[in-house]
Amino acid sequence: MSAYRLQQLKGHILPENKNTAMAGSPSPLTTHVLNTGMGVPGSNMALSLYQQDPSTSAWKLITTGTTNDDGRCPGLITKQQFTSGVYKMHFETAKYWESMGETCFYPYVEIVFTINDPGQKYHVPLLLSRFSYSTYRGS
């Protein structure tokens, strides 16, 4: 990995095209990608949010976006869209690692979770390295 890219990942150099595709009002559902292998936020990672249709079990795409310089993706879903049900966050991890000239074991990560009380705030972080990942319900 180049020294320039490493400095960019550590937040010392801002990317030319800052993408905050999901910007908007505060979301009741948030995520934060952390590259634990390098100790930096997982910035510029594409992700998608889906909700499962309870009658067919098919996944309905809610939104897509890219994590910002801090590894966050603001505005995932509006309070009006956020209902009880099963959701899935799909993270494009292979493309993320490829952008740094690296390979990885998991080409994507999908986190599936159930929302029982849409009045609460839910935080679903992704801790990631090239060969592992973990997640939990945060606050």
N, C-alpha and C. Protein backbone atom coordinates (compact mmCIF):
# COMPACT_ATOMS: atom_id res chain seq x y z
N MET A 1 0.85 -1.17 0.00
CA MET A 1 0.00 0.00 0.00
C MET A 1 0.89 1.23 0.00
N SER A 2 0.47 2.23 -0.75
CA SER A 2 1.28 3.44 -0.84
C SER A 2 1.21 4.25 0.45
N ALA A 3 2.24 5.03 0.69
CA ALA A 3 2.26 5.90 1.87
C ALA A 3 1.14 6.93 1.78
N TYR A 4 0.87 7.41 0.55
CA TYR A 4 -0.21 8.38 0.35
C TYR A 4 -1.55 7.78 0.78
N ARG A 5 -1.85 6.54 0.34
CA ARG A 5 -3.12 5.91 0.68
C ARG A 5 -3.23 5.66 2.18
N LEU A 6 -2.14 5.26 2.82
CA LEU A 6 -2.14 5.04 4.26
C LEU A 6 -2.44 6.34 4.99
N GLN A 7 -1.82 7.43 4.56
CA GLN A 7 -2.09 8.73 5.18
C GLN A 7 -3.55 9.14 4.96
N GLN A 8 -4.07 8.84 3.76
CA GLN A 8 -5.46 9.15 3.46
C GLN A 8 -6.38 8.35 4.38
N LEU A 9 -6.11 7.08 4.59
CA LEU A 9 -6.93 6.25 5.47
C LEU A 9 -6.89 6.73 6.91
N LYS A 10 -5.76 7.22 7.34
CA LYS A 10 -5.64 7.70 8.72
C LYS A 10 -6.26 9.08 8.90
N GLY A 11 -6.79 9.66 7.80
CA GLY A 11 -7.46 10.95 7.90
C GLY A 11 -6.56 12.15 7.74
N HIS A 12 -5.31 11.93 7.37
CA HIS A 12 -4.39 13.04 7.19
C HIS A 12 -4.55 13.71 5.83
N ILE A 13 -5.07 12.97 4.85
CA ILE A 13 -5.30 13.50 3.52
C ILE A 13 -6.74 13.19 3.15
N LEU A 14 -7.52 14.19 2.80
CA LEU A 14 -8.91 13.97 2.45
C LEU A 14 -9.01 13.54 0.99
N PRO A 15 -9.93 12.62 0.67
CA PRO A 15 -10.11 12.23 -0.72
C PRO A 15 -10.69 13.39 -1.53
N GLU A 16 -10.41 13.37 -2.82
CA GLU A 16 -10.90 14.44 -3.69
C GLU A 16 -12.41 14.43 -3.79
N ASN A 17 -13.03 13.26 -3.85
CA ASN A 17 -14.46 13.13 -4.01
C ASN A 17 -15.07 12.56 -2.74
N LYS A 18 -15.47 13.41 -1.85
CA LYS A 18 -16.07 12.98 -0.59
C LYS A 18 -17.51 12.58 -0.84
N ASN A 19 -17.81 11.28 -0.69
CA ASN A 19 -19.12 10.75 -1.03
C ASN A 19 -19.92 10.50 0.23
N THR A 20 -21.00 11.23 0.39
CA THR A 20 -21.93 10.99 1.49
C THR A 20 -23.32 10.80 0.88
N ALA A 21 -23.48 9.72 0.16
CA ALA A 21 -24.70 9.47 -0.60
C ALA A 21 -25.94 9.38 0.27
N MET A 22 -25.78 9.02 1.52
CA MET A 22 -26.94 8.83 2.38
C MET A 22 -27.13 9.97 3.37
N ALA A 23 -26.60 11.14 3.04
CA ALA A 23 -26.72 12.28 3.95
C ALA A 23 -28.19 12.65 4.12
N GLY A 24 -28.54 13.22 5.25
CA GLY A 24 -29.91 13.62 5.49
C GLY A 24 -30.18 13.71 6.97
N SER A 25 -31.46 13.57 7.35
CA SER A 25 -31.84 13.67 8.75
C SER A 25 -31.30 12.47 9.53
N PRO A 26 -31.21 12.61 10.85
CA PRO A 26 -30.67 11.51 11.66
C PRO A 26 -31.45 10.21 11.45
N SER A 27 -30.73 9.15 11.30
CA SER A 27 -31.33 7.85 11.05
C SER A 27 -31.49 7.08 12.36
N PRO A 28 -32.58 6.33 12.52
CA PRO A 28 -32.73 5.49 13.70
C PRO A 28 -31.84 4.25 13.63
N LEU A 29 -31.21 4.03 12.47
CA LEU A 29 -30.30 2.91 12.27
C LEU A 29 -28.97 3.45 11.77
N THR A 30 -27.89 3.13 12.48
CA THR A 30 -26.57 3.62 12.08
C THR A 30 -25.59 2.46 12.00
N THR A 31 -24.47 2.72 11.30
CA THR A 31 -23.39 1.75 11.21
C THR A 31 -22.08 2.50 11.25
N HIS A 32 -21.03 1.77 11.56
CA HIS A 32 -19.68 2.34 11.62
C HIS A 32 -18.73 1.21 11.25
N VAL A 33 -17.99 1.38 10.15
CA VAL A 33 -17.04 0.36 9.73
C VAL A 33 -15.66 0.75 10.25
N LEU A 34 -15.01 -0.18 10.96
CA LEU A 34 -13.68 0.04 11.49
C LEU A 34 -12.73 -1.00 10.94
N ASN A 35 -11.66 -0.56 10.31
CA ASN A 35 -10.62 -1.44 9.80
C ASN A 35 -9.69 -1.71 10.98
N THR A 36 -9.96 -2.79 11.69
CA THR A 36 -9.19 -3.09 12.90
C THR A 36 -7.78 -3.58 12.58
N GLY A 37 -7.57 -4.09 11.37
CA GLY A 37 -6.24 -4.54 10.98
C GLY A 37 -5.26 -3.39 10.84
N MET A 38 -5.77 -2.22 10.43
CA MET A 38 -4.91 -1.05 10.23
C MET A 38 -5.15 0.03 11.28
N GLY A 39 -6.21 -0.12 12.06
CA GLY A 39 -6.51 0.87 13.09
C GLY A 39 -7.07 2.17 12.53
N VAL A 40 -7.85 2.08 11.44
CA VAL A 40 -8.42 3.27 10.80
C VAL A 40 -9.90 3.01 10.49
N PRO A 41 -10.68 4.08 10.25
CA PRO A 41 -12.06 3.88 9.81
C PRO A 41 -12.10 3.19 8.44
N GLY A 42 -13.15 2.44 8.20
CA GLY A 42 -13.36 1.80 6.89
C GLY A 42 -14.05 2.77 5.96
N SER A 43 -13.31 3.71 5.42
CA SER A 43 -13.89 4.75 4.56
C SER A 43 -14.02 4.28 3.12
N ASN A 44 -14.96 4.89 2.43
CA ASN A 44 -15.23 4.62 1.00
C ASN A 44 -15.63 3.18 0.73
N MET A 45 -16.39 2.59 1.64
CA MET A 45 -16.89 1.22 1.44
C MET A 45 -18.36 1.30 1.02
N ALA A 46 -18.69 0.65 -0.09
CA ALA A 46 -20.07 0.60 -0.57
C ALA A 46 -20.88 -0.34 0.32
N LEU A 47 -22.12 0.07 0.57
CA LEU A 47 -23.02 -0.79 1.33
C LEU A 47 -24.45 -0.60 0.86
N SER A 48 -25.27 -1.59 1.15
CA SER A 48 -26.69 -1.56 0.80
C SER A 48 -27.49 -1.99 2.02
N LEU A 49 -28.69 -1.42 2.16
CA LEU A 49 -29.60 -1.80 3.24
C LEU A 49 -30.86 -2.38 2.62
N TYR A 50 -31.27 -3.55 3.13
CA TYR A 50 -32.45 -4.25 2.64
C TYR A 50 -33.40 -4.54 3.80
N GLN A 51 -34.69 -4.71 3.47
CA GLN A 51 -35.66 -5.22 4.44
C GLN A 51 -36.33 -6.44 3.82
N GLN A 52 -36.55 -7.46 4.64
CA GLN A 52 -37.16 -8.70 4.14
C GLN A 52 -38.67 -8.58 4.14
N ASP A 53 -39.29 -8.97 3.04
CA ASP A 53 -40.75 -9.01 2.94
C ASP A 53 -41.22 -10.24 3.74
N PRO A 54 -42.03 -10.03 4.78
CA PRO A 54 -42.43 -11.16 5.63
C PRO A 54 -43.28 -12.20 4.90
N SER A 55 -43.99 -11.82 3.86
CA SER A 55 -44.86 -12.78 3.18
C SER A 55 -44.12 -13.62 2.14
N THR A 56 -43.03 -13.08 1.56
CA THR A 56 -42.32 -13.83 0.51
C THR A 56 -40.88 -14.17 0.88
N SER A 57 -40.37 -13.57 1.93
CA SER A 57 -38.97 -13.70 2.36
C SER A 57 -37.98 -13.06 1.37
N ALA A 58 -38.48 -12.36 0.36
CA ALA A 58 -37.62 -11.66 -0.60
C ALA A 58 -37.06 -10.39 0.05
N TRP A 59 -35.87 -9.99 -0.38
CA TRP A 59 -35.23 -8.79 0.14
C TRP A 59 -35.58 -7.58 -0.72
N LYS A 60 -36.02 -6.51 -0.08
CA LYS A 60 -36.36 -5.26 -0.76
C LYS A 60 -35.25 -4.25 -0.46
N LEU A 61 -34.64 -3.72 -1.52
CA LEU A 61 -33.57 -2.73 -1.35
C LEU A 61 -34.16 -1.43 -0.82
N ILE A 62 -33.60 -0.93 0.28
CA ILE A 62 -34.04 0.34 0.86
C ILE A 62 -33.17 1.48 0.34
N THR A 63 -31.83 1.28 0.40
CA THR A 63 -30.91 2.32 -0.04
C THR A 63 -29.51 1.75 -0.24
N THR A 64 -28.68 2.51 -0.94
CA THR A 64 -27.27 2.19 -1.10
C THR A 64 -26.46 3.43 -0.77
N GLY A 65 -25.21 3.24 -0.46
CA GLY A 65 -24.35 4.38 -0.16
C GLY A 65 -22.92 3.95 0.04
N THR A 66 -22.13 4.89 0.52
CA THR A 66 -20.71 4.68 0.74
C THR A 66 -20.33 5.29 2.08
N THR A 67 -19.49 4.59 2.84
CA THR A 67 -19.07 5.15 4.12
C THR A 67 -18.22 6.40 3.91
N ASN A 68 -18.32 7.32 4.84
CA ASN A 68 -17.57 8.57 4.77
C ASN A 68 -16.16 8.39 5.35
N ASP A 69 -15.44 9.49 5.50
CA ASP A 69 -14.06 9.44 5.98
C ASP A 69 -13.94 8.84 7.38
N ASP A 70 -15.03 8.89 8.16
CA ASP A 70 -15.03 8.34 9.51
C ASP A 70 -15.56 6.90 9.54
N GLY A 71 -15.86 6.32 8.37
CA GLY A 71 -16.38 4.97 8.31
C GLY A 71 -17.87 4.86 8.60
N ARG A 72 -18.56 5.99 8.60
CA ARG A 72 -19.99 6.01 8.90
C ARG A 72 -20.78 6.28 7.63
N CYS A 73 -22.05 5.94 7.67
CA CYS A 73 -22.93 6.13 6.52
C CYS A 73 -24.21 6.80 7.01
N PRO A 74 -24.21 8.11 7.11
CA PRO A 74 -25.38 8.80 7.67
C PRO A 74 -26.62 8.67 6.79
N GLY A 75 -27.78 8.75 7.42
CA GLY A 75 -29.04 8.76 6.68
C GLY A 75 -29.43 7.43 6.07
N LEU A 76 -29.12 6.32 6.73
CA LEU A 76 -29.46 5.01 6.17
C LEU A 76 -30.95 4.84 5.89
N ILE A 77 -31.78 5.28 6.81
CA ILE A 77 -33.22 5.07 6.68
C ILE A 77 -33.93 6.16 7.47
N THR A 78 -35.08 6.58 6.99
CA THR A 78 -35.85 7.60 7.70
C THR A 78 -36.67 6.94 8.80
N LYS A 79 -37.10 7.74 9.75
CA LYS A 79 -37.95 7.22 10.83
C LYS A 79 -39.26 6.68 10.26
N GLN A 80 -39.76 7.29 9.18
CA GLN A 80 -41.00 6.84 8.57
C GLN A 80 -40.83 5.46 7.89
N GLN A 81 -39.68 5.21 7.30
CA GLN A 81 -39.42 3.93 6.63
C GLN A 81 -39.11 2.81 7.61
N PHE A 82 -38.63 3.17 8.80
CA PHE A 82 -38.13 2.21 9.76
C PHE A 82 -39.27 1.53 10.50
N THR A 83 -39.54 0.29 10.15
CA THR A 83 -40.63 -0.48 10.75
C THR A 83 -40.08 -1.77 11.32
N SER A 84 -40.88 -2.45 12.09
CA SER A 84 -40.47 -3.76 12.63
C SER A 84 -40.23 -4.71 11.47
N GLY A 85 -39.25 -5.60 11.65
CA GLY A 85 -38.98 -6.59 10.62
C GLY A 85 -37.53 -7.03 10.62
N VAL A 86 -37.17 -7.78 9.59
CA VAL A 86 -35.82 -8.31 9.42
C VAL A 86 -35.12 -7.46 8.37
N TYR A 87 -33.91 -7.03 8.71
CA TYR A 87 -33.10 -6.17 7.84
C TYR A 87 -31.76 -6.84 7.54
N LYS A 88 -31.13 -6.37 6.47
CA LYS A 88 -29.80 -6.86 6.09
C LYS A 88 -28.97 -5.69 5.61
N MET A 89 -27.74 -5.59 6.14
CA MET A 89 -26.75 -4.66 5.61
C MET A 89 -25.72 -5.48 4.84
N HIS A 90 -25.49 -5.08 3.60
CA HIS A 90 -24.53 -5.76 2.72
C HIS A 90 -23.35 -4.83 2.49
N PHE A 91 -22.15 -5.24 2.90
CA PHE A 91 -20.94 -4.44 2.78
C PHE A 91 -20.04 -5.03 1.70
N GLU A 92 -19.57 -4.22 0.77
CA GLU A 92 -18.70 -4.65 -0.34
C GLU A 92 -17.24 -4.65 0.11
N THR A 93 -16.85 -5.67 0.86
CA THR A 93 -15.52 -5.70 1.46
C THR A 93 -14.41 -5.98 0.45
N ALA A 94 -14.65 -6.82 -0.56
CA ALA A 94 -13.59 -7.10 -1.55
C ALA A 94 -13.19 -5.84 -2.29
N LYS A 95 -14.17 -5.05 -2.70
CA LYS A 95 -13.87 -3.81 -3.43
C LYS A 95 -13.10 -2.84 -2.52
N TYR A 96 -13.47 -2.81 -1.25
CA TYR A 96 -12.77 -1.95 -0.28
C TYR A 96 -11.30 -2.33 -0.21
N TRP A 97 -11.01 -3.63 0.00
CA TRP A 97 -9.62 -4.07 0.12
C TRP A 97 -8.87 -3.90 -1.20
N GLU A 98 -9.53 -4.18 -2.32
CA GLU A 98 -8.90 -4.01 -3.64
C GLU A 98 -8.47 -2.56 -3.86
N SER A 99 -9.26 -1.62 -3.36
CA SER A 99 -8.92 -0.19 -3.53
C SER A 99 -7.62 0.17 -2.81
N MET A 100 -7.19 -0.69 -1.88
CA MET A 100 -5.94 -0.48 -1.16
C MET A 100 -4.84 -1.43 -1.63
N GLY A 101 -5.11 -2.13 -2.74
CA GLY A 101 -4.13 -3.05 -3.27
C GLY A 101 -3.98 -4.33 -2.47
N GLU A 102 -5.04 -4.70 -1.74
CA GLU A 102 -5.02 -5.89 -0.88
C GLU A 102 -6.08 -6.88 -1.33
N THR A 103 -5.93 -8.11 -0.87
CA THR A 103 -6.96 -9.13 -1.06
C THR A 103 -7.58 -9.43 0.29
N CYS A 104 -8.70 -10.14 0.26
CA CYS A 104 -9.36 -10.51 1.51
C CYS A 104 -10.00 -11.88 1.37
N PHE A 105 -10.38 -12.44 2.48
CA PHE A 105 -11.01 -13.75 2.51
C PHE A 105 -12.51 -13.67 2.25
N TYR A 106 -13.16 -12.64 2.79
CA TYR A 106 -14.60 -12.47 2.65
C TYR A 106 -14.89 -11.41 1.59
N PRO A 107 -15.46 -11.78 0.43
CA PRO A 107 -15.71 -10.81 -0.63
C PRO A 107 -16.80 -9.80 -0.29
N TYR A 108 -17.67 -10.17 0.62
CA TYR A 108 -18.67 -9.24 1.14
C TYR A 108 -19.08 -9.74 2.52
N VAL A 109 -19.69 -8.84 3.28
CA VAL A 109 -20.21 -9.19 4.60
C VAL A 109 -21.68 -8.80 4.62
N GLU A 110 -22.52 -9.70 5.07
CA GLU A 110 -23.93 -9.39 5.26
C GLU A 110 -24.29 -9.60 6.72
N ILE A 111 -24.89 -8.57 7.29
CA ILE A 111 -25.33 -8.63 8.67
C ILE A 111 -26.85 -8.59 8.65
N VAL A 112 -27.47 -9.65 9.15
CA VAL A 112 -28.92 -9.76 9.18
C VAL A 112 -29.37 -9.62 10.63
N PHE A 113 -30.38 -8.79 10.86
CA PHE A 113 -30.82 -8.52 12.23
C PHE A 113 -32.31 -8.22 12.24
N THR A 114 -32.92 -8.35 13.42
CA THR A 114 -34.36 -8.15 13.59
C THR A 114 -34.61 -6.86 14.38
N ILE A 115 -35.54 -6.06 13.89
CA ILE A 115 -35.99 -4.86 14.59
C ILE A 115 -37.37 -5.16 15.17
N ASN A 116 -37.46 -5.15 16.49
CA ASN A 116 -38.74 -5.38 17.16
C ASN A 116 -39.40 -4.08 17.60
N ASP A 117 -38.59 -3.08 17.94
CA ASP A 117 -39.11 -1.80 18.41
C ASP A 117 -38.49 -0.67 17.58
N PRO A 118 -39.14 -0.25 16.50
CA PRO A 118 -38.58 0.78 15.64
C PRO A 118 -38.49 2.16 16.31
N GLY A 119 -39.02 2.29 17.52
CA GLY A 119 -38.90 3.54 18.26
C GLY A 119 -37.53 3.71 18.91
N GLN A 120 -36.77 2.63 18.98
CA GLN A 120 -35.42 2.68 19.56
C GLN A 120 -34.41 3.05 18.48
N LYS A 121 -33.22 3.42 18.93
CA LYS A 121 -32.10 3.66 18.03
C LYS A 121 -31.27 2.37 17.98
N TYR A 122 -30.84 2.00 16.79
CA TYR A 122 -30.04 0.79 16.61
C TYR A 122 -28.72 1.16 15.93
N HIS A 123 -27.62 0.64 16.46
CA HIS A 123 -26.29 0.86 15.89
C HIS A 123 -25.68 -0.50 15.61
N VAL A 124 -25.27 -0.73 14.35
CA VAL A 124 -24.73 -2.03 13.94
C VAL A 124 -23.35 -1.80 13.34
N PRO A 125 -22.29 -1.85 14.16
CA PRO A 125 -20.94 -1.64 13.65
C PRO A 125 -20.37 -2.88 12.98
N LEU A 126 -19.40 -2.67 12.10
CA LEU A 126 -18.66 -3.75 11.47
C LEU A 126 -17.18 -3.54 11.75
N LEU A 127 -16.57 -4.48 12.47
CA LEU A 127 -15.13 -4.46 12.75
C LEU A 127 -14.50 -5.44 11.77
N LEU A 128 -13.51 -4.97 11.01
CA LEU A 128 -13.08 -5.70 9.84
C LEU A 128 -11.56 -5.76 9.71
N SER A 129 -11.07 -6.93 9.33
CA SER A 129 -9.69 -7.06 8.87
C SER A 129 -9.75 -7.87 7.58
N ARG A 130 -8.62 -8.15 6.97
CA ARG A 130 -8.63 -8.88 5.70
C ARG A 130 -9.13 -10.31 5.84
N PHE A 131 -9.01 -10.89 7.04
CA PHE A 131 -9.36 -12.29 7.23
C PHE A 131 -10.39 -12.54 8.32
N SER A 132 -11.00 -11.48 8.82
CA SER A 132 -12.02 -11.67 9.86
C SER A 132 -12.94 -10.46 9.93
N TYR A 133 -14.08 -10.66 10.58
CA TYR A 133 -14.97 -9.55 10.88
C TYR A 133 -15.82 -9.92 12.10
N SER A 134 -16.33 -8.90 12.76
CA SER A 134 -17.27 -9.11 13.86
C SER A 134 -18.23 -7.94 13.90
N THR A 135 -19.32 -8.15 14.59
CA THR A 135 -20.34 -7.12 14.70
C THR A 135 -21.06 -7.30 16.04
N TYR A 136 -21.84 -6.32 16.41
CA TYR A 136 -22.62 -6.38 17.63
C TYR A 136 -23.68 -5.30 17.58
N ARG A 137 -24.65 -5.35 18.47
CA ARG A 137 -25.60 -4.26 18.56
C ARG A 137 -25.01 -3.23 19.52
N GLY A 138 -24.71 -2.09 18.98
CA GLY A 138 -24.17 -1.00 19.78
C GLY A 138 -25.25 -0.06 20.24
N SER A 139 -24.82 1.05 20.82
CA SER A 139 -25.80 2.04 21.30
C SER A 139 -25.55 3.38 20.66
